[in-house]
Protein backbone atom coordinates (compact mmCIF):
# COMPACT_ATOMS: atom_id res chain seq x y z
CA MET A 1 129.23 99.38 101.09
CA THR A 2 125.86 98.93 99.29
CA ALA A 3 123.98 95.10 100.52
CA PRO A 4 123.60 92.73 97.91
CA HIS A 5 119.80 93.53 97.62
CA LEU A 6 120.24 97.06 96.62
CA ASP A 7 122.58 97.03 94.30
CA PRO A 8 120.99 98.32 91.04
CA ALA A 9 123.58 97.10 88.75
CA VAL A 10 123.10 93.66 89.77
CA ARG A 11 120.38 91.20 88.85
CA HIS A 12 117.61 90.20 91.75
CA ASP A 13 114.98 87.31 91.08
CA MET A 14 112.37 87.60 94.23
CA VAL A 15 109.69 85.73 95.81
CA PHE A 16 106.33 87.58 97.85
CA LEU A 17 104.05 86.02 99.71
CA PHE A 18 100.90 87.65 100.94
CA ASP A 19 97.61 86.49 101.69
CA VAL A 20 93.73 87.70 102.41
CA THR A 21 91.13 86.95 104.64
CA ASP A 22 87.70 87.74 104.20
CA GLY A 23 88.58 89.72 101.06
CA ASN A 24 88.59 89.98 97.46
CA PRO A 25 92.24 90.48 96.40
CA ASN A 26 91.34 91.18 92.75
CA GLY A 27 88.09 90.90 91.02
CA ASP A 28 87.05 90.50 87.76
CA PRO A 29 84.83 93.23 85.85
CA ASP A 30 83.82 90.77 83.30
CA ALA A 31 82.44 88.36 85.91
CA GLY A 32 80.54 90.91 88.33
CA ASN A 33 83.66 91.71 90.26
CA ARG A 34 83.91 88.27 91.25
CA PRO A 35 87.59 87.24 92.78
CA ARG A 36 89.79 86.14 89.89
CA THR A 37 90.59 82.35 89.68
CA ASP A 38 91.76 79.77 87.39
CA ASP A 39 89.24 77.63 86.03
CA GLU A 40 90.92 74.65 86.16
CA SER A 41 92.90 73.95 89.20
CA GLY A 42 90.45 76.67 91.14
CA GLN A 43 93.51 78.73 92.32
CA GLY A 44 93.34 82.44 92.88
CA LEU A 45 95.07 84.94 90.80
CA VAL A 46 96.32 88.56 91.45
CA THR A 47 96.94 89.97 88.18
CA ASP A 48 100.88 91.74 87.71
CA VAL A 49 98.72 95.55 86.92
CA ALA A 50 96.82 95.41 90.47
CA LEU A 51 100.16 94.58 92.01
CA LYS A 52 101.86 97.04 89.76
CA ARG A 53 98.99 99.86 90.95
CA LYS A 54 99.88 99.28 94.58
CA ILE A 55 103.46 99.82 94.43
CA ARG A 56 103.30 102.82 92.66
CA ASP A 57 100.87 104.14 95.36
CA THR A 58 102.99 103.13 97.82
CA MET A 59 106.09 103.80 96.40
CA ALA A 60 104.87 107.44 96.05
CA LEU A 61 103.78 108.11 99.69
CA ALA A 62 107.16 106.54 101.01
CA ALA A 63 109.30 108.82 98.73
CA GLY A 64 107.47 112.10 99.86
CA ASP A 65 108.40 115.26 97.97
CA ASP A 66 111.65 113.58 95.64
CA PRO A 67 110.93 114.81 92.40
CA ARG A 68 112.01 111.61 91.33
CA TYR A 69 109.10 110.19 92.45
CA GLY A 70 106.55 110.89 90.07
CA ILE A 71 103.58 108.61 89.46
CA PHE A 72 103.04 108.43 85.45
CA VAL A 73 100.31 106.08 85.27
CA GLN A 74 98.16 107.95 87.71
CA ALA A 75 94.33 108.03 88.40
CA GLY A 76 92.89 111.91 87.51
CA TYR A 77 95.73 112.31 85.05
CA ALA A 78 96.18 112.30 81.48
CA LEU A 79 99.57 110.61 80.16
CA ASN A 80 99.45 113.23 76.91
CA PRO A 81 100.29 116.50 78.41
CA ARG A 82 102.92 114.61 80.52
CA LEU A 83 104.65 113.34 77.73
CA GLU A 84 104.70 116.45 75.91
CA ALA A 85 106.61 117.75 79.08
CA SER A 86 109.56 116.07 78.29
CA TYR A 87 109.48 117.78 74.80
CA GLU A 88 109.64 121.24 76.62
CA ALA A 89 112.01 120.37 78.46
CA THR A 90 114.30 119.06 76.28
CA GLY A 91 113.69 121.45 73.65
CA LEU A 92 112.07 119.55 71.03
CA LYS A 93 108.92 120.86 69.17
CA LEU A 94 105.78 118.64 69.32
CA GLY A 95 105.05 117.34 65.88
CA SER A 96 108.81 118.28 64.62
CA LYS A 97 110.90 114.80 62.97
CA ILE A 98 113.47 114.39 66.07
CA THR A 99 116.37 112.14 66.11
CA ALA A 100 117.18 108.94 67.67
CA GLU A 101 119.19 110.44 70.18
CA GLN A 102 116.73 113.21 70.74
CA ALA A 103 114.10 110.68 71.45
CA GLY A 104 116.77 109.23 73.79
CA GLN A 105 117.29 112.47 75.92
CA ALA A 106 113.18 113.32 75.91
CA ARG A 107 112.94 109.28 77.57
CA ALA A 108 115.72 109.88 79.93
CA TRP A 109 113.95 112.88 81.28
CA LEU A 110 110.62 110.90 81.60
CA CYS A 111 112.74 108.37 83.56
CA ASP A 112 114.30 110.60 85.85
CA HIS A 113 111.04 111.90 86.52
CA TYR A 114 108.50 109.26 87.18
CA ALA A 115 109.62 105.65 89.45
CA ASP A 116 107.34 103.63 87.82
CA ILE A 117 108.93 104.31 84.50
CA ARG A 118 111.94 103.84 85.32
CA LEU A 119 110.93 100.41 87.35
CA PHE A 120 108.28 99.02 84.88
CA GLY A 121 108.89 100.45 81.81
CA ALA A 122 105.82 102.57 79.77
CA VAL A 123 104.32 103.03 76.01
CA LEU A 124 105.02 106.66 75.28
CA SER A 125 103.96 106.41 71.18
CA VAL A 126 100.83 108.00 71.78
CA GLY A 127 99.73 111.51 70.89
CA LYS A 128 102.06 114.13 69.08
CA THR A 129 104.88 112.06 70.83
CA GLY A 130 105.04 108.87 68.85
CA ALA A 131 108.57 109.10 67.78
CA LEU A 132 109.21 108.31 71.80
CA GLY A 133 108.91 104.62 71.21
CA GLN A 134 108.39 103.01 74.53
CA VAL A 135 110.46 102.03 77.69
CA ARG A 136 110.97 98.59 78.56
CA GLY A 137 111.29 98.02 82.77
CA PRO A 138 113.53 96.65 84.36
CA LEU A 139 111.54 95.60 86.78
CA GLN A 140 109.21 92.52 85.79
CA VAL A 141 106.05 90.76 87.96
CA SER A 142 104.26 87.91 87.18
CA MET A 143 100.71 86.78 88.31
CA ALA A 144 99.80 85.82 91.99
CA ARG A 145 98.65 82.18 92.34
CA SER A 146 97.44 81.10 95.78
CA ILE A 147 99.13 78.12 96.68
CA ASP A 148 95.75 75.86 97.13
CA PRO A 149 92.52 76.44 95.26
CA VAL A 150 90.61 79.31 96.82
CA PHE A 151 86.09 79.14 97.19
CA PRO A 152 84.57 82.75 96.24
CA MET A 153 81.94 83.57 98.12
CA ASP A 154 79.14 85.78 97.10
CA HIS A 155 77.20 87.36 100.30
CA ALA A 156 73.94 88.70 99.57
CA ILE A 157 73.88 92.66 101.61
CA THR A 158 71.17 95.43 101.61
CA ARG A 159 71.19 98.95 102.49
CA VAL A 160 68.49 100.96 103.49
CA THR A 161 69.34 104.43 101.38
CA GLN A 162 67.12 104.13 97.98
CA THR A 163 68.97 104.80 94.87
CA LYS A 164 65.42 106.32 92.87
CA GLN A 165 63.08 108.48 95.04
CA ASP A 166 60.48 106.41 92.85
CA ASP A 167 61.68 103.51 94.74
CA ILE A 168 60.62 105.39 98.32
CA ASP A 169 57.44 106.43 97.05
CA LYS A 170 56.23 103.34 96.09
CA GLY A 171 57.06 101.64 99.30
CA GLU A 172 60.67 100.21 99.47
CA THR A 173 62.52 100.13 102.26
CA THR A 174 65.79 98.29 101.42
CA GLU A 175 67.93 97.85 98.29
CA MET A 176 69.49 94.58 97.58
CA GLY A 177 73.66 94.38 96.52
CA GLY A 178 75.87 91.61 96.80
CA LYS A 179 79.75 91.30 97.40
CA TRP A 180 82.96 88.91 96.99
CA THR A 181 85.03 87.37 99.21
CA VAL A 182 87.23 84.49 99.47
CA PRO A 183 87.63 83.30 102.97
CA TYR A 184 91.74 82.37 103.23
CA GLY A 185 94.47 82.07 100.27
CA LEU A 186 97.94 82.37 100.76
CA TYR A 187 99.46 83.78 97.33
CA LYS A 188 102.78 83.71 95.86
CA VAL A 189 104.25 86.38 93.09
CA GLU A 190 107.48 86.32 91.42
CA LEU A 191 109.55 89.68 90.66
CA TYR A 192 112.45 89.59 88.24
CA TYR A 193 114.79 92.67 88.25
CA SER A 194 117.34 93.15 85.12
CA ALA A 195 120.42 95.33 85.85
CA ASN A 196 120.99 95.59 81.82
CA ARG A 197 117.68 97.76 82.08
CA GLY A 198 117.78 99.39 84.65
CA GLN A 199 121.26 100.94 83.83
CA GLN A 200 119.29 102.48 80.83
CA THR A 201 116.14 103.44 83.03
CA GLY A 202 118.43 105.47 85.89
CA VAL A 203 117.86 102.50 88.82
CA ASP A 204 119.14 103.35 91.69
CA THR A 205 119.66 101.81 95.27
CA LYS A 206 116.83 104.27 96.78
CA ASP A 207 114.80 102.86 93.76
CA LEU A 208 115.38 99.16 95.06
CA GLU A 209 114.67 100.37 98.82
CA LEU A 210 111.53 102.09 98.21
CA LEU A 211 110.40 98.67 96.06
CA TYR A 212 110.87 96.33 99.52
CA ARG A 213 109.26 98.98 101.48
CA SER A 214 106.42 99.59 99.08
CA LEU A 215 105.82 95.41 99.12
CA GLU A 216 105.61 95.94 102.87
CA MET A 217 103.42 98.39 103.32
CA MET A 218 101.60 98.89 100.66
CA PHE A 219 98.51 96.63 101.67
CA ASP A 220 98.22 98.90 104.96
CA HIS A 221 97.98 101.81 102.89
CA ASP A 222 94.96 100.49 100.39
CA ARG A 223 92.29 99.11 103.22
CA SER A 224 89.14 99.02 102.45
CA ALA A 225 86.01 97.03 103.53
CA THR A 226 85.89 94.42 100.03
CA ARG A 227 89.70 93.67 99.86
CA GLY A 228 89.32 92.27 103.96
CA ARG A 229 92.77 92.26 105.36
CA LEU A 230 95.39 92.01 103.13
CA THR A 231 98.79 90.63 104.91
CA PRO A 232 102.21 90.45 103.44
CA ARG A 233 104.25 86.92 104.33
CA GLY A 234 107.47 87.09 102.67
CA LEU A 235 109.95 88.73 100.87
CA PHE A 236 112.80 86.70 99.47
CA VAL A 237 115.75 88.37 97.14
CA PHE A 238 117.90 86.24 95.67
CA SER A 239 120.65 88.79 94.80
CA HIS A 240 122.99 88.18 91.30
CA PRO A 241 127.19 88.68 91.68
CA ASN A 242 126.79 90.40 88.36
CA ALA A 243 124.26 91.56 85.77
CA PHE A 244 123.96 88.67 83.51
CA GLY A 245 123.33 86.16 86.54
CA ALA A 246 124.64 83.24 88.20
CA ALA A 247 121.99 80.68 87.98
CA PRO A 248 118.25 80.67 85.78
CA ALA A 249 115.36 82.24 88.00
CA HIS A 250 113.03 79.50 88.73
CA LYS A 251 116.30 77.17 90.12
CA LEU A 252 116.68 80.14 92.90
CA THR A 253 112.68 80.92 93.38
CA GLU A 254 111.64 77.52 93.69
CA ARG A 255 113.74 77.06 96.62
CA VAL A 256 111.10 78.77 98.13
CA SER A 257 108.78 76.20 99.14
CA VAL A 258 105.19 76.23 100.95
CA GLU A 259 103.71 73.23 102.26
CA ARG A 260 100.61 72.40 104.43
CA THR A 261 101.59 72.03 108.62
CA GLN A 262 99.22 68.51 108.27
CA PRO A 263 99.54 67.69 105.21
CA GLY A 264 96.14 65.94 103.27
CA SER A 265 94.20 67.52 105.70
CA GLU A 266 90.63 67.81 104.90
CA GLN A 267 90.35 71.25 106.50
CA PRO A 268 90.72 74.03 103.98
CA PRO A 269 93.19 76.66 105.24
CA ARG A 270 92.19 79.79 107.45
CA SER A 271 95.33 80.86 108.51
CA PHE A 272 99.15 81.26 107.37
CA SER A 273 99.31 79.07 110.60
CA ASP A 274 98.26 76.34 108.36
CA TYR A 275 101.05 76.64 106.48
CA VAL A 276 104.98 76.16 106.81
CA VAL A 277 107.36 78.54 104.35
CA SER A 278 110.85 76.87 104.18
CA VAL A 279 114.06 78.48 102.13
CA GLU A 280 116.95 76.14 100.92
CA ASP A 281 119.63 78.10 100.82
CA ASP A 282 122.82 75.91 101.00
CA GLY A 283 124.65 75.48 97.90
CA LEU A 284 123.87 78.44 96.57
CA PRO A 285 125.40 79.62 93.41
CA ALA A 286 128.61 81.31 93.47
CA GLY A 287 128.78 84.21 93.89
CA VAL A 288 124.33 84.86 94.98
CA THR A 289 123.04 86.01 98.18
CA LEU A 290 119.82 85.48 99.71
CA THR A 291 118.49 88.24 101.85
CA LYS A 292 115.19 87.63 103.58
CA LEU A 293 113.24 90.62 104.01
CA ILE A 294 109.99 89.67 105.38
CA SER A 295 109.47 85.74 106.96
């Protein structure tokens, strides 16, 4: 029997917690790579795009050589040749007019070969394959937001190697630089899986299993000095009894609460031990199950 959280035929609402220590979880290129924050509240932000990039890269590693786990949006690869391959594989001619049924066959081929299209969807109406339209993915990821305000710090750094020979000739011995970090921040993100759309794209049990494994392991495969220490701290999956769902998502995800261990403390949080995570699992709507994968 398939575990509730691995069933692609039912709806799932998820809460994922992670923290950063002395690192930059998601820099803003328009602000000198400063860690993203909410200007009004000071809370840290990590975009859905950044999180999906980590999931994509890790899922491909976890799947090994399985041909169903290619990655469509991948550094170093153009999209048009991959889209055109769907025409060739399904016997369609580039530039020719195709029927809705033929476009559906090409989209199905892409979904079967690329895990990120299967989960996140993709815009396919580019180049010579404009008739393919788009795939609306069953897995939607929110922006991650820190529980408390974060205070980005700009560190001046030096290096002994010059960029230009002229600078060395002028007698310069060091070159200045900088890096941004967040001393500490605990972030919360919500993910929503639609079984109806998952059926359309061909999501199966292995897809969900690798998704959860990727959320748990993705920071270990994306380490860098700039990012500091990123750590998964909680993954809670509310699984519904059917594709429609037994309750609105917010009534389930709000059952996961994060509080300071010392409420009202003037000391800024500096570790996960400064928080307590609690989950209200009593009185769940009929048929809804809660799976605690990381806690």
